[in-house]
Amino acid sequence: MENNNQYDNYTGAPVYNAAPSQNYGDGYNNDPQLAPILSIGEWMVTLIVLAIPIVGIVMYFVWAFGDATNPNKRNFCKASLIFALIGIVLTFIFAMTCGFAAAGLMYGLS
């Protein structure tokens, strides 16, 4: 009988009925265990680049939606963009609320 078992890369334990991993042409296999780990230096460079005013915003979108980006960096950039969008929406709501409250006070004082 043929042995078609695959083995876990870290523990060496057999993984039964493992589906073959798929690569969608993005340069990285979509299996998180097969994505290369970013070193501390790579993360430091990433954060420094993202801190540059205009370049950082552009790089967020390039890394979030680029095909040749490490999946870990891609997910970090997507999550950061989602948090930024939530912050912008909450700031807008807060500003509108405070504006209406100030307008109501001004109207009531006159």
N, C-alpha and C. Protein backbone atom coordinates (compact mmCIF):
# COMPACT_ATOMS: atom_id res chain seq x y z
N MET A 1 0.84 -1.18 0.00
CA MET A 1 0.00 0.00 0.00
C MET A 1 0.89 1.24 0.00
N GLU A 2 0.53 2.20 -0.81
CA GLU A 2 1.33 3.41 -0.98
C GLU A 2 1.08 4.39 0.17
N ASN A 3 2.14 5.02 0.67
CA ASN A 3 2.03 5.99 1.76
C ASN A 3 1.99 7.39 1.17
N ASN A 4 0.81 8.04 1.22
CA ASN A 4 0.62 9.37 0.68
C ASN A 4 0.56 10.44 1.76
N ASN A 5 1.02 10.11 2.95
CA ASN A 5 0.95 11.06 4.05
C ASN A 5 1.96 12.18 3.85
N GLN A 6 1.57 13.38 4.29
CA GLN A 6 2.49 14.50 4.33
C GLN A 6 2.87 14.73 5.78
N TYR A 7 4.00 15.38 5.99
CA TYR A 7 4.49 15.59 7.35
C TYR A 7 4.59 17.07 7.65
N ASP A 8 4.24 17.43 8.89
CA ASP A 8 4.33 18.81 9.35
C ASP A 8 5.79 19.24 9.35
N ASN A 9 6.06 20.45 8.83
CA ASN A 9 7.43 20.93 8.70
C ASN A 9 8.10 21.18 10.06
N TYR A 10 7.31 21.47 11.08
CA TYR A 10 7.89 21.83 12.37
C TYR A 10 7.98 20.65 13.33
N THR A 11 6.93 19.85 13.41
CA THR A 11 6.92 18.75 14.38
C THR A 11 7.31 17.43 13.77
N GLY A 12 7.18 17.30 12.47
CA GLY A 12 7.47 16.04 11.81
C GLY A 12 6.33 15.04 11.91
N ALA A 13 5.23 15.43 12.55
CA ALA A 13 4.08 14.55 12.70
C ALA A 13 3.37 14.40 11.35
N PRO A 14 2.83 13.22 11.10
CA PRO A 14 2.11 13.05 9.83
C PRO A 14 0.83 13.87 9.80
N VAL A 15 0.53 14.42 8.64
CA VAL A 15 -0.71 15.16 8.42
C VAL A 15 -1.53 14.32 7.46
N TYR A 16 -2.62 13.74 7.96
CA TYR A 16 -3.43 12.83 7.16
C TYR A 16 -4.42 13.61 6.30
N ASN A 17 -4.66 13.10 5.11
CA ASN A 17 -5.61 13.69 4.16
C ASN A 17 -5.28 15.15 3.88
N ALA A 18 -4.03 15.47 3.84
CA ALA A 18 -3.63 16.85 3.58
C ALA A 18 -3.84 17.16 2.11
N ALA A 19 -4.56 18.24 1.85
CA ALA A 19 -4.76 18.68 0.47
C ALA A 19 -3.48 19.30 -0.04
N PRO A 20 -3.18 19.14 -1.29
CA PRO A 20 -1.97 19.78 -1.81
C PRO A 20 -2.07 21.30 -1.72
N SER A 21 -0.98 21.93 -1.36
CA SER A 21 -1.00 23.39 -1.23
C SER A 21 -1.08 24.01 -2.63
N GLN A 22 -1.71 25.19 -2.67
CA GLN A 22 -1.90 25.86 -3.95
C GLN A 22 -1.10 27.15 -3.96
N ASN A 23 -0.50 27.43 -5.08
CA ASN A 23 0.20 28.68 -5.26
C ASN A 23 -0.56 29.46 -6.31
N TYR A 24 -1.01 30.65 -5.96
CA TYR A 24 -1.83 31.43 -6.87
C TYR A 24 -1.03 32.44 -7.67
N GLY A 25 0.26 32.22 -7.83
CA GLY A 25 1.06 33.08 -8.66
C GLY A 25 1.50 34.37 -7.98
N ASP A 26 1.35 34.46 -6.65
CA ASP A 26 1.73 35.69 -5.97
C ASP A 26 3.17 35.63 -5.45
N GLY A 27 3.89 34.61 -5.80
CA GLY A 27 5.28 34.51 -5.35
C GLY A 27 5.41 33.78 -4.03
N TYR A 28 4.33 33.61 -3.32
CA TYR A 28 4.35 32.91 -2.04
C TYR A 28 3.23 31.88 -2.03
N ASN A 29 3.50 30.77 -1.39
CA ASN A 29 2.48 29.77 -1.21
C ASN A 29 1.51 30.28 -0.16
N ASN A 30 0.22 30.05 -0.31
CA ASN A 30 -0.78 30.58 0.61
C ASN A 30 -0.82 29.84 1.94
N ASP A 31 -0.04 28.80 2.10
CA ASP A 31 0.06 28.11 3.37
C ASP A 31 0.92 28.95 4.31
N PRO A 32 0.35 29.45 5.44
CA PRO A 32 1.12 30.34 6.31
C PRO A 32 2.40 29.70 6.85
N GLN A 33 2.43 28.38 6.95
CA GLN A 33 3.64 27.74 7.45
C GLN A 33 4.77 27.78 6.42
N LEU A 34 4.45 28.00 5.16
CA LEU A 34 5.46 28.01 4.13
C LEU A 34 5.92 29.41 3.76
N ALA A 35 5.24 30.45 4.27
CA ALA A 35 5.65 31.82 4.00
C ALA A 35 6.93 32.12 4.77
N PRO A 36 7.88 32.79 4.14
CA PRO A 36 9.12 33.10 4.85
C PRO A 36 8.86 34.05 6.01
N ILE A 37 9.56 33.82 7.10
CA ILE A 37 9.41 34.65 8.28
C ILE A 37 10.22 35.92 8.09
N LEU A 38 9.60 37.07 8.36
CA LEU A 38 10.30 38.35 8.26
C LEU A 38 11.16 38.53 9.50
N SER A 39 12.39 38.93 9.29
CA SER A 39 13.29 39.15 10.42
C SER A 39 12.97 40.47 11.11
N ILE A 40 13.58 40.68 12.26
CA ILE A 40 13.40 41.93 12.99
C ILE A 40 13.89 43.10 12.14
N GLY A 41 14.99 42.93 11.46
CA GLY A 41 15.52 43.99 10.60
C GLY A 41 14.56 44.35 9.48
N GLU A 42 13.95 43.32 8.87
CA GLU A 42 12.98 43.59 7.80
C GLU A 42 11.76 44.33 8.33
N TRP A 43 11.31 43.97 9.54
CA TRP A 43 10.18 44.68 10.14
C TRP A 43 10.56 46.11 10.48
N MET A 44 11.80 46.33 10.95
CA MET A 44 12.25 47.69 11.26
C MET A 44 12.28 48.55 10.01
N VAL A 45 12.80 48.02 8.91
CA VAL A 45 12.82 48.76 7.65
C VAL A 45 11.39 49.04 7.19
N THR A 46 10.51 48.05 7.32
CA THR A 46 9.11 48.24 6.93
C THR A 46 8.49 49.38 7.71
N LEU A 47 8.67 49.40 9.03
CA LEU A 47 8.06 50.44 9.85
C LEU A 47 8.68 51.81 9.59
N ILE A 48 9.96 51.85 9.30
CA ILE A 48 10.61 53.13 8.97
C ILE A 48 10.06 53.67 7.65
N VAL A 49 9.93 52.80 6.65
CA VAL A 49 9.39 53.24 5.35
C VAL A 49 7.95 53.72 5.52
N LEU A 50 7.15 53.02 6.33
CA LEU A 50 5.76 53.41 6.52
C LEU A 50 5.63 54.70 7.31
N ALA A 51 6.68 55.11 8.03
CA ALA A 51 6.63 56.35 8.81
C ALA A 51 6.94 57.58 7.95
N ILE A 52 7.46 57.40 6.75
CA ILE A 52 7.76 58.53 5.87
C ILE A 52 6.42 59.06 5.33
N PRO A 53 6.15 60.36 5.47
CA PRO A 53 4.81 60.89 5.21
C PRO A 53 4.10 60.43 3.94
N ILE A 54 4.55 60.76 2.76
CA ILE A 54 3.80 60.42 1.55
C ILE A 54 4.18 59.03 1.06
N VAL A 55 5.44 58.71 1.15
CA VAL A 55 5.92 57.39 0.71
C VAL A 55 5.24 56.28 1.51
N GLY A 56 5.04 56.51 2.80
CA GLY A 56 4.41 55.50 3.65
C GLY A 56 3.00 55.16 3.22
N ILE A 57 2.23 56.18 2.88
CA ILE A 57 0.85 55.94 2.45
C ILE A 57 0.83 55.14 1.15
N VAL A 58 1.71 55.51 0.23
CA VAL A 58 1.78 54.77 -1.04
C VAL A 58 2.20 53.33 -0.79
N MET A 59 3.20 53.14 0.10
CA MET A 59 3.69 51.79 0.35
C MET A 59 2.66 50.93 1.07
N TYR A 60 1.80 51.52 1.90
CA TYR A 60 0.72 50.75 2.52
C TYR A 60 -0.12 50.09 1.43
N PHE A 61 -0.48 50.84 0.41
CA PHE A 61 -1.32 50.30 -0.66
C PHE A 61 -0.54 49.32 -1.54
N VAL A 62 0.72 49.62 -1.82
CA VAL A 62 1.54 48.71 -2.64
C VAL A 62 1.70 47.37 -1.94
N TRP A 63 2.04 47.41 -0.65
CA TRP A 63 2.25 46.15 0.08
C TRP A 63 0.94 45.46 0.41
N ALA A 64 -0.15 46.20 0.61
CA ALA A 64 -1.42 45.57 0.96
C ALA A 64 -2.03 44.85 -0.23
N PHE A 65 -1.84 45.37 -1.43
CA PHE A 65 -2.50 44.80 -2.60
C PHE A 65 -1.52 44.28 -3.65
N GLY A 66 -0.23 44.28 -3.36
CA GLY A 66 0.76 43.78 -4.31
C GLY A 66 0.83 42.26 -4.28
N ASP A 67 1.11 41.68 -5.42
CA ASP A 67 1.18 40.22 -5.52
C ASP A 67 2.49 39.65 -4.99
N ALA A 68 3.57 40.39 -5.07
CA ALA A 68 4.87 39.85 -4.70
C ALA A 68 5.27 40.23 -3.27
N THR A 69 4.29 40.48 -2.41
CA THR A 69 4.55 40.87 -1.03
C THR A 69 4.39 39.68 -0.12
N ASN A 70 5.25 39.59 0.89
CA ASN A 70 5.14 38.55 1.90
C ASN A 70 3.73 38.59 2.50
N PRO A 71 3.06 37.45 2.67
CA PRO A 71 1.69 37.45 3.20
C PRO A 71 1.57 38.09 4.58
N ASN A 72 2.60 37.99 5.40
CA ASN A 72 2.55 38.61 6.72
C ASN A 72 2.53 40.13 6.61
N LYS A 73 3.38 40.66 5.75
CA LYS A 73 3.42 42.11 5.53
C LYS A 73 2.13 42.58 4.87
N ARG A 74 1.62 41.79 3.93
CA ARG A 74 0.38 42.14 3.23
C ARG A 74 -0.78 42.24 4.22
N ASN A 75 -0.91 41.27 5.11
CA ASN A 75 -1.99 41.30 6.09
C ASN A 75 -1.82 42.44 7.08
N PHE A 76 -0.58 42.74 7.48
CA PHE A 76 -0.33 43.86 8.38
C PHE A 76 -0.78 45.17 7.73
N CYS A 77 -0.43 45.37 6.47
CA CYS A 77 -0.80 46.61 5.78
C CYS A 77 -2.31 46.71 5.58
N LYS A 78 -2.96 45.60 5.25
CA LYS A 78 -4.42 45.62 5.11
C LYS A 78 -5.09 45.97 6.44
N ALA A 79 -4.62 45.36 7.53
CA ALA A 79 -5.19 45.64 8.85
C ALA A 79 -4.96 47.10 9.24
N SER A 80 -3.79 47.63 8.93
CA SER A 80 -3.49 49.03 9.25
C SER A 80 -4.38 49.97 8.45
N LEU A 81 -4.63 49.67 7.19
CA LEU A 81 -5.53 50.49 6.38
C LEU A 81 -6.96 50.43 6.90
N ILE A 82 -7.39 49.27 7.36
CA ILE A 82 -8.74 49.15 7.93
C ILE A 82 -8.85 49.99 9.20
N PHE A 83 -7.82 49.92 10.07
CA PHE A 83 -7.83 50.73 11.29
C PHE A 83 -7.82 52.22 10.96
N ALA A 84 -7.07 52.61 9.95
CA ALA A 84 -7.04 54.03 9.55
C ALA A 84 -8.42 54.47 9.05
N LEU A 85 -9.07 53.63 8.28
CA LEU A 85 -10.41 53.96 7.79
C LEU A 85 -11.40 54.09 8.95
N ILE A 86 -11.33 53.19 9.91
CA ILE A 86 -12.19 53.26 11.09
C ILE A 86 -11.92 54.56 11.85
N GLY A 87 -10.64 54.93 12.00
CA GLY A 87 -10.29 56.17 12.68
C GLY A 87 -10.83 57.40 11.97
N ILE A 88 -10.75 57.40 10.64
CA ILE A 88 -11.26 58.54 9.87
C ILE A 88 -12.77 58.66 10.03
N VAL A 89 -13.48 57.54 9.97
CA VAL A 89 -14.94 57.56 10.12
C VAL A 89 -15.33 58.04 11.52
N LEU A 90 -14.66 57.52 12.56
CA LEU A 90 -14.97 57.94 13.93
C LEU A 90 -14.65 59.41 14.15
N THR A 91 -13.55 59.89 13.57
CA THR A 91 -13.20 61.30 13.68
C THR A 91 -14.26 62.17 13.02
N PHE A 92 -14.73 61.77 11.86
CA PHE A 92 -15.78 62.51 11.16
C PHE A 92 -17.06 62.56 11.99
N ILE A 93 -17.45 61.42 12.55
CA ILE A 93 -18.66 61.37 13.38
C ILE A 93 -18.50 62.27 14.61
N PHE A 94 -17.34 62.21 15.26
CA PHE A 94 -17.08 63.03 16.44
C PHE A 94 -17.10 64.51 16.09
N ALA A 95 -16.48 64.88 14.97
CA ALA A 95 -16.45 66.29 14.55
C ALA A 95 -17.85 66.79 14.23
N MET A 96 -18.65 65.98 13.57
CA MET A 96 -20.02 66.38 13.26
C MET A 96 -20.85 66.54 14.53
N THR A 97 -20.68 65.62 15.46
CA THR A 97 -21.42 65.69 16.72
C THR A 97 -21.05 66.95 17.50
N CYS A 98 -19.75 67.22 17.60
CA CYS A 98 -19.30 68.42 18.31
C CYS A 98 -19.73 69.69 17.57
N GLY A 99 -19.72 69.66 16.27
CA GLY A 99 -20.15 70.82 15.49
C GLY A 99 -21.62 71.13 15.70
N PHE A 100 -22.45 70.07 15.70
CA PHE A 100 -23.88 70.29 15.94
C PHE A 100 -24.14 70.75 17.37
N ALA A 101 -23.38 70.21 18.32
CA ALA A 101 -23.54 70.63 19.70
C ALA A 101 -23.14 72.11 19.86
N ALA A 102 -22.05 72.51 19.23
CA ALA A 102 -21.60 73.92 19.30
C ALA A 102 -22.61 74.82 18.63
N ALA A 103 -23.15 74.40 17.50
CA ALA A 103 -24.15 75.20 16.80
C ALA A 103 -25.42 75.33 17.64
N GLY A 104 -25.78 74.28 18.31
CA GLY A 104 -26.96 74.33 19.18
C GLY A 104 -26.75 75.27 20.35
N LEU A 105 -25.56 75.28 20.93
CA LEU A 105 -25.26 76.21 22.02
C LEU A 105 -25.28 77.65 21.54
N MET A 106 -24.70 77.88 20.38
CA MET A 106 -24.67 79.24 19.83
C MET A 106 -26.09 79.74 19.53
N TYR A 107 -26.90 78.85 19.00
CA TYR A 107 -28.27 79.23 18.66
C TYR A 107 -29.06 79.53 19.95
N GLY A 108 -28.81 78.72 20.98
CA GLY A 108 -29.53 78.90 22.23
C GLY A 108 -29.10 80.14 22.99
N LEU A 109 -27.88 80.64 22.78
CA LEU A 109 -27.38 81.82 23.48
C LEU A 109 -27.85 83.12 22.86
N SER A 110 -28.23 83.08 21.61
CA SER A 110 -28.59 84.33 20.94
C SER A 110 -30.03 84.72 21.11
